[in-house]
N, C-alpha and C. Protein backbone atom coordinates (compact mmCIF):
# COMPACT_ATOMS: atom_id res chain seq x y z
N MET A 1 24.31 -73.30 30.66
CA MET A 1 23.55 -74.24 31.37
C MET A 1 23.87 -75.87 30.77
N ASN A 2 24.44 -76.42 31.70
CA ASN A 2 24.26 -78.00 31.27
C ASN A 2 22.96 -78.91 30.77
N ALA A 3 23.26 -79.66 30.22
CA ALA A 3 22.05 -80.70 29.86
C ALA A 3 21.13 -80.92 30.87
N LYS A 4 21.92 -81.41 32.06
CA LYS A 4 21.26 -81.79 33.22
C LYS A 4 20.42 -81.10 33.88
N ALA A 5 21.02 -79.40 34.13
CA ALA A 5 20.34 -78.66 34.43
C ALA A 5 18.98 -78.23 33.99
N ALA A 6 19.25 -78.07 32.26
CA ALA A 6 18.35 -77.66 31.52
C ALA A 6 16.89 -78.49 32.07
N ALA A 7 17.26 -80.02 31.75
CA ALA A 7 16.57 -81.04 32.15
C ALA A 7 15.72 -80.46 33.40
N ARG A 8 16.33 -80.62 34.47
CA ARG A 8 15.63 -79.92 35.92
C ARG A 8 14.89 -78.83 35.61
N LEU A 9 15.14 -77.62 34.93
CA LEU A 9 14.48 -76.53 34.83
C LEU A 9 13.39 -76.91 33.64
N ALA A 10 13.14 -77.53 32.75
CA ALA A 10 12.33 -78.17 32.09
C ALA A 10 10.99 -78.93 32.31
N GLU A 11 11.60 -79.38 33.95
CA GLU A 11 10.65 -80.41 34.52
C GLU A 11 9.70 -79.34 35.26
N VAL A 12 10.60 -78.41 35.81
CA VAL A 12 9.68 -77.49 36.57
C VAL A 12 8.75 -76.91 35.50
N PHE A 13 9.18 -76.07 34.36
CA PHE A 13 8.56 -75.45 33.84
C PHE A 13 7.49 -76.24 32.98
N GLY A 14 7.63 -77.84 32.89
CA GLY A 14 6.40 -78.72 32.61
C GLY A 14 5.48 -78.70 33.54
N VAL A 15 5.86 -78.70 34.94
CA VAL A 15 4.81 -78.81 36.26
C VAL A 15 3.69 -77.53 35.77
N LEU A 16 4.31 -76.59 35.73
CA LEU A 16 3.88 -75.13 35.69
C LEU A 16 3.21 -74.97 34.50
N ALA A 17 3.08 -76.10 33.50
CA ALA A 17 2.46 -75.43 32.20
C ALA A 17 1.21 -75.96 32.02
N SER A 18 0.17 -76.14 33.17
CA SER A 18 -1.02 -76.45 33.08
C SER A 18 -1.55 -75.04 33.71
N GLU A 19 -2.79 -74.86 33.03
CA GLU A 19 -3.86 -73.75 33.54
C GLU A 19 -4.18 -73.95 34.86
N THR A 20 -4.97 -75.11 35.10
CA THR A 20 -5.39 -75.49 36.15
C THR A 20 -4.10 -75.69 37.70
N ARG A 21 -3.05 -75.70 37.10
CA ARG A 21 -2.03 -75.70 38.57
C ARG A 21 -1.59 -74.14 38.42
N LEU A 22 -1.49 -73.50 37.87
CA LEU A 22 -1.23 -71.75 37.58
C LEU A 22 -2.18 -71.51 38.52
N ARG A 23 -3.72 -71.56 38.30
CA ARG A 23 -4.72 -71.06 39.00
C ARG A 23 -4.44 -71.37 40.53
N LEU A 24 -4.63 -72.77 40.88
CA LEU A 24 -3.99 -73.19 42.25
C LEU A 24 -2.88 -72.53 42.88
N LEU A 25 -1.69 -72.38 41.97
CA LEU A 25 -0.50 -71.82 42.77
C LEU A 25 -0.28 -70.11 43.04
N HIS A 26 -1.53 -69.56 41.92
CA HIS A 26 -1.85 -68.33 42.10
C HIS A 26 -2.56 -68.10 43.68
N ALA A 27 -3.61 -68.82 43.61
CA ALA A 27 -4.46 -68.68 44.84
C ALA A 27 -3.82 -68.91 46.31
N LEU A 28 -2.73 -70.19 46.02
CA LEU A 28 -2.07 -69.94 47.12
C LEU A 28 -1.04 -68.90 47.50
N GLU A 29 -0.81 -68.19 46.18
CA GLU A 29 0.56 -67.01 46.61
C GLU A 29 -0.24 -66.30 47.00
N ARG A 30 -1.43 -65.99 46.70
CA ARG A 30 -2.05 -64.51 47.37
C ARG A 30 -2.66 -64.63 48.75
N ASN A 31 -3.05 -66.17 48.82
CA ASN A 31 -4.07 -66.35 50.03
C ASN A 31 -3.11 -67.02 51.32
N GLY A 32 -2.15 -67.62 51.00
CA GLY A 32 -1.70 -68.35 52.26
C GLY A 32 -1.97 -69.76 51.65
N GLU A 33 -2.23 -70.20 53.00
CA GLU A 33 -2.65 -72.01 52.89
C GLU A 33 -4.37 -72.16 52.97
N PHE A 34 -4.80 -73.01 52.32
CA PHE A 34 -5.70 -73.59 52.14
C PHE A 34 -5.89 -75.09 52.20
N SER A 35 -6.92 -75.51 52.48
CA SER A 35 -7.53 -77.04 52.63
C SER A 35 -7.83 -77.36 51.12
N PRO A 36 -7.59 -78.51 50.94
CA PRO A 36 -8.40 -79.01 49.70
C PRO A 36 -9.86 -78.26 48.85
N THR A 37 -10.39 -78.32 50.12
CA THR A 37 -11.77 -77.76 49.98
C THR A 37 -12.08 -76.45 49.52
N ALA A 38 -11.38 -75.73 50.51
CA ALA A 38 -11.16 -74.22 50.57
C ALA A 38 -10.81 -73.61 49.22
N LEU A 39 -9.53 -74.52 48.79
CA LEU A 39 -8.79 -74.04 47.42
C LEU A 39 -9.74 -74.42 46.22
N ALA A 40 -10.81 -75.61 46.35
CA ALA A 40 -11.36 -75.89 45.25
C ALA A 40 -12.53 -74.90 45.07
N ASP A 41 -13.46 -74.29 46.12
CA ASP A 41 -13.98 -73.41 46.07
C ASP A 41 -13.33 -72.27 45.82
N ALA A 42 -12.09 -71.61 45.86
CA ALA A 42 -11.78 -70.51 45.83
C ALA A 42 -11.09 -70.53 44.34
N VAL A 43 -11.36 -71.42 43.38
CA VAL A 43 -10.87 -71.29 42.27
C VAL A 43 -11.75 -71.96 41.33
N GLY A 44 -13.03 -72.49 42.23
CA GLY A 44 -14.60 -73.15 41.29
C GLY A 44 -13.84 -74.07 40.23
N MET A 45 -13.29 -75.41 41.58
CA MET A 45 -13.15 -76.58 40.95
C MET A 45 -13.31 -77.64 41.95
N LYS A 46 -13.66 -78.97 41.15
CA LYS A 46 -14.29 -80.14 42.14
C LYS A 46 -12.94 -80.37 43.09
N VAL A 47 -13.23 -80.80 44.17
CA VAL A 47 -12.08 -81.05 45.38
C VAL A 47 -11.25 -82.12 44.99
N GLN A 48 -12.15 -83.11 44.48
CA GLN A 48 -10.89 -84.37 43.85
C GLN A 48 -9.99 -83.77 43.08
N ALA A 49 -10.29 -83.13 41.78
CA ALA A 49 -9.28 -82.51 40.87
C ALA A 49 -8.47 -81.75 41.49
N VAL A 50 -8.46 -80.89 42.65
CA VAL A 50 -7.70 -79.93 43.10
C VAL A 50 -6.71 -81.04 44.03
N SER A 51 -7.21 -82.14 44.82
CA SER A 51 -6.51 -82.95 45.56
C SER A 51 -5.41 -83.38 44.92
N ASN A 52 -6.13 -84.07 43.22
CA ASN A 52 -4.91 -84.74 42.43
C ASN A 52 -3.71 -83.96 42.28
N GLN A 53 -3.94 -82.71 42.01
CA GLN A 53 -3.16 -81.39 41.39
C GLN A 53 -1.99 -81.15 42.65
N LEU A 54 -2.61 -81.29 43.84
CA LEU A 54 -1.88 -80.84 44.83
C LEU A 54 -0.96 -81.64 45.15
N ARG A 55 -1.32 -83.11 45.11
CA ARG A 55 -0.38 -84.42 44.98
C ARG A 55 0.93 -84.04 44.50
N LEU A 56 0.73 -83.67 42.83
CA LEU A 56 1.53 -83.78 42.07
C LEU A 56 2.79 -82.53 42.60
N LEU A 57 2.06 -81.26 42.56
CA LEU A 57 2.56 -80.39 43.27
C LEU A 57 3.69 -80.76 44.15
N ALA A 58 3.21 -81.55 45.53
CA ALA A 58 4.06 -81.48 46.42
C ALA A 58 4.64 -82.71 46.25
N ALA A 59 4.19 -83.63 45.29
CA ALA A 59 5.92 -84.45 45.04
C ALA A 59 6.95 -83.83 44.31
N ARG A 60 6.50 -82.55 43.67
CA ARG A 60 7.45 -81.89 42.87
C ARG A 60 8.28 -80.94 44.03
N GLY A 61 7.80 -80.76 45.26
CA GLY A 61 8.29 -79.77 46.09
C GLY A 61 8.04 -78.47 45.97
N ILE A 62 7.02 -78.49 45.18
CA ILE A 62 6.45 -76.90 44.74
C ILE A 62 5.33 -76.63 45.92
N VAL A 63 4.76 -77.03 46.60
CA VAL A 63 3.63 -76.96 47.70
C VAL A 63 4.05 -77.93 48.85
N SER A 64 3.92 -77.61 50.05
CA SER A 64 3.86 -78.43 51.16
C SER A 64 2.59 -78.62 52.08
N SER A 65 2.41 -79.32 52.79
CA SER A 65 1.27 -79.47 53.47
C SER A 65 1.35 -79.66 55.00
N ARG A 66 0.65 -79.23 55.94
CA ARG A 66 0.66 -79.61 57.67
C ARG A 66 -0.74 -80.02 57.71
N ARG A 67 -1.17 -80.68 58.59
CA ARG A 67 -1.73 -81.40 59.20
C ARG A 67 -2.61 -80.62 60.74
N ASP A 68 -3.66 -80.57 60.91
CA ASP A 68 -4.12 -80.11 61.69
C ASP A 68 -5.69 -81.05 62.21
N GLY A 69 -5.19 -81.83 63.37
CA GLY A 69 -6.37 -82.82 63.50
C GLY A 69 -6.55 -83.86 62.19
N ASN A 70 -7.40 -83.73 61.47
CA ASN A 70 -8.32 -84.64 60.23
C ASN A 70 -8.08 -83.68 59.18
N SER A 71 -7.47 -82.46 59.46
CA SER A 71 -7.46 -81.38 58.27
C SER A 71 -6.21 -81.51 57.72
N VAL A 72 -5.99 -81.32 56.49
CA VAL A 72 -4.72 -80.98 55.86
C VAL A 72 -4.61 -79.68 55.00
N PHE A 73 -3.74 -78.93 55.38
CA PHE A 73 -3.77 -77.71 54.73
C PHE A 73 -2.44 -77.60 53.80
N TYR A 74 -2.46 -76.70 52.46
CA TYR A 74 -1.53 -76.73 51.66
C TYR A 74 -1.08 -75.29 51.27
N ARG A 75 0.40 -75.28 51.32
CA ARG A 75 0.88 -73.86 50.82
C ARG A 75 2.19 -73.84 50.05
N LEU A 76 2.35 -72.81 49.38
CA LEU A 76 3.50 -72.86 48.45
C LEU A 76 4.57 -73.04 49.49
N ASP A 77 5.70 -74.05 48.76
CA ASP A 77 7.03 -74.46 49.66
C ASP A 77 8.35 -73.15 49.12
N ASP A 78 8.41 -72.74 48.18
CA ASP A 78 9.21 -71.98 48.12
C ASP A 78 8.56 -70.27 47.43
N PRO A 79 9.11 -69.24 48.59
CA PRO A 79 8.61 -68.21 47.67
C PRO A 79 9.08 -67.81 46.24
N CYS A 80 10.00 -68.21 45.66
CA CYS A 80 10.28 -68.43 44.06
C CYS A 80 8.92 -68.54 43.36
N ILE A 81 8.32 -69.33 43.78
CA ILE A 81 6.96 -69.49 42.74
C ILE A 81 6.21 -68.25 42.93
N GLY A 82 5.99 -67.99 43.94
CA GLY A 82 5.51 -66.39 43.55
C GLY A 82 5.94 -65.57 42.44
N THR A 83 7.23 -65.22 43.00
CA THR A 83 8.04 -64.31 41.68
C THR A 83 7.94 -64.66 40.69
N LEU A 84 7.75 -66.16 40.08
CA LEU A 84 8.17 -66.84 38.95
C LEU A 84 6.91 -66.55 38.44
N LEU A 85 5.64 -66.54 39.02
CA LEU A 85 4.20 -66.37 38.30
C LEU A 85 4.30 -64.77 38.32
N ASP A 86 4.57 -64.14 39.09
CA ASP A 86 4.57 -62.43 38.72
C ASP A 86 5.19 -62.32 37.44
N ARG A 87 6.91 -62.98 37.37
CA ARG A 87 7.36 -62.70 36.38
C ARG A 87 6.85 -63.22 34.88
N GLY A 88 6.08 -64.09 35.01
CA GLY A 88 5.14 -65.01 34.00
C GLY A 88 4.59 -63.67 33.40
N TRP A 89 3.67 -63.79 34.13
CA TRP A 89 2.45 -62.42 33.94
C TRP A 89 2.84 -61.49 33.30
N CYS A 90 3.90 -60.87 33.93
CA CYS A 90 4.38 -59.78 33.41
C CYS A 90 4.95 -59.84 31.68
N LEU A 91 5.65 -60.96 31.60
CA LEU A 91 6.00 -61.33 30.57
C LEU A 91 5.10 -61.41 29.46
N ALA A 92 3.81 -62.46 30.01
CA ALA A 92 2.69 -62.76 29.35
C ALA A 92 1.78 -61.37 28.60
N GLU A 93 2.03 -60.45 29.50
CA GLU A 93 1.13 -58.94 29.33
C GLU A 93 1.95 -58.36 28.57
N GLU A 94 2.87 -58.07 28.84
CA GLU A 94 3.89 -57.37 27.59
C GLU A 94 4.15 -58.09 26.45
N SER A 95 4.37 -59.03 26.32
CA SER A 95 4.46 -59.66 24.85
C SER A 95 3.15 -59.65 24.04
N SER A 96 1.76 -59.82 24.39
CA SER A 96 0.51 -59.41 23.94
C SER A 96 0.51 -57.78 23.47
N SER A 97 0.90 -56.69 24.73
CA SER A 97 0.58 -55.70 24.26
C SER A 97 1.95 -54.92 23.25
N ARG A 98 2.99 -55.81 23.10
CA ARG A 98 4.06 -55.24 22.17
C ARG A 98 3.62 -55.02 20.95
N LYS A 99 3.92 -53.30 20.38
CA LYS A 99 3.36 -52.63 19.07
C LYS A 99 4.82 -53.41 17.94
N ASN A 100 5.79 -53.25 18.51
CA ASN A 100 6.91 -53.94 17.55
C ASN A 100 7.63 -54.77 17.95
N GLU A 101 7.62 -55.86 17.67
CA GLU A 101 8.50 -57.26 17.53
C GLU A 101 9.87 -57.27 17.95
N HIS A 102 10.71 -56.13 17.84
CA HIS A 102 12.05 -55.81 17.93
C HIS A 102 12.07 -54.87 19.16
N GLU A 103 10.96 -54.46 19.53
CA GLU A 103 11.23 -53.69 20.85
C GLU A 103 11.05 -54.51 21.81
N LEU A 104 12.14 -54.27 22.69
CA LEU A 104 12.18 -54.74 24.31
C LEU A 104 11.26 -54.71 25.45
N PRO A 105 10.94 -55.69 25.80
CA PRO A 105 9.55 -55.34 26.81
C PRO A 105 10.43 -54.60 28.14
N THR A 106 9.40 -53.72 28.77
CA THR A 106 9.72 -53.07 29.72
C THR A 106 8.65 -53.07 30.90
N CYS A 107 8.54 -54.03 31.19
CA CYS A 107 7.30 -54.44 32.18
C CYS A 107 6.89 -53.47 33.21
N ARG A 108 5.79 -53.14 33.33
CA ARG A 108 5.42 -51.80 34.47
C ARG A 108 4.65 -52.11 35.66
N HIS A 109 4.76 -53.66 36.00
CA HIS A 109 4.17 -53.85 37.04
C HIS A 109 5.55 -54.00 38.46
N THR A 110 4.59 -53.41 39.46
CA THR A 110 5.65 -53.07 40.86
C THR A 110 6.60 -54.58 41.26
N GLU A 111 5.96 -55.30 40.71
CA GLU A 111 6.67 -56.68 41.67
C GLU A 111 7.62 -57.05 40.37
N CYS A 112 7.76 -56.85 39.20
CA CYS A 112 8.68 -57.24 38.28
C CYS A 112 10.14 -55.96 38.65
N GLU A 113 9.95 -54.99 39.14
CA GLU A 113 11.05 -54.16 39.22
C GLU A 113 11.89 -54.71 40.11
């Protein structure tokens, strides 16, 4: 991987390195599209906080939106995000349950196979 590619990848991981954004992305991945109000209700956050995060995610091309009259609905823009979330969860769970630090992780999640 060259330096430019590494920088682009680091930017993606930087955007994802937020508990709030991960919760929003997980909700979108599992349930499809949401209005900011419905998404805020689903994750137990204030609408303004959700809207701010959605704008950031949209600017990075991670989510996209569509208008329906006065309403705006957000959804994941790339199916790779769901896969990345599943792989990250798999890695987090495996690393916390590993008994031997030299043992290679073998995830038991069906989505990781």
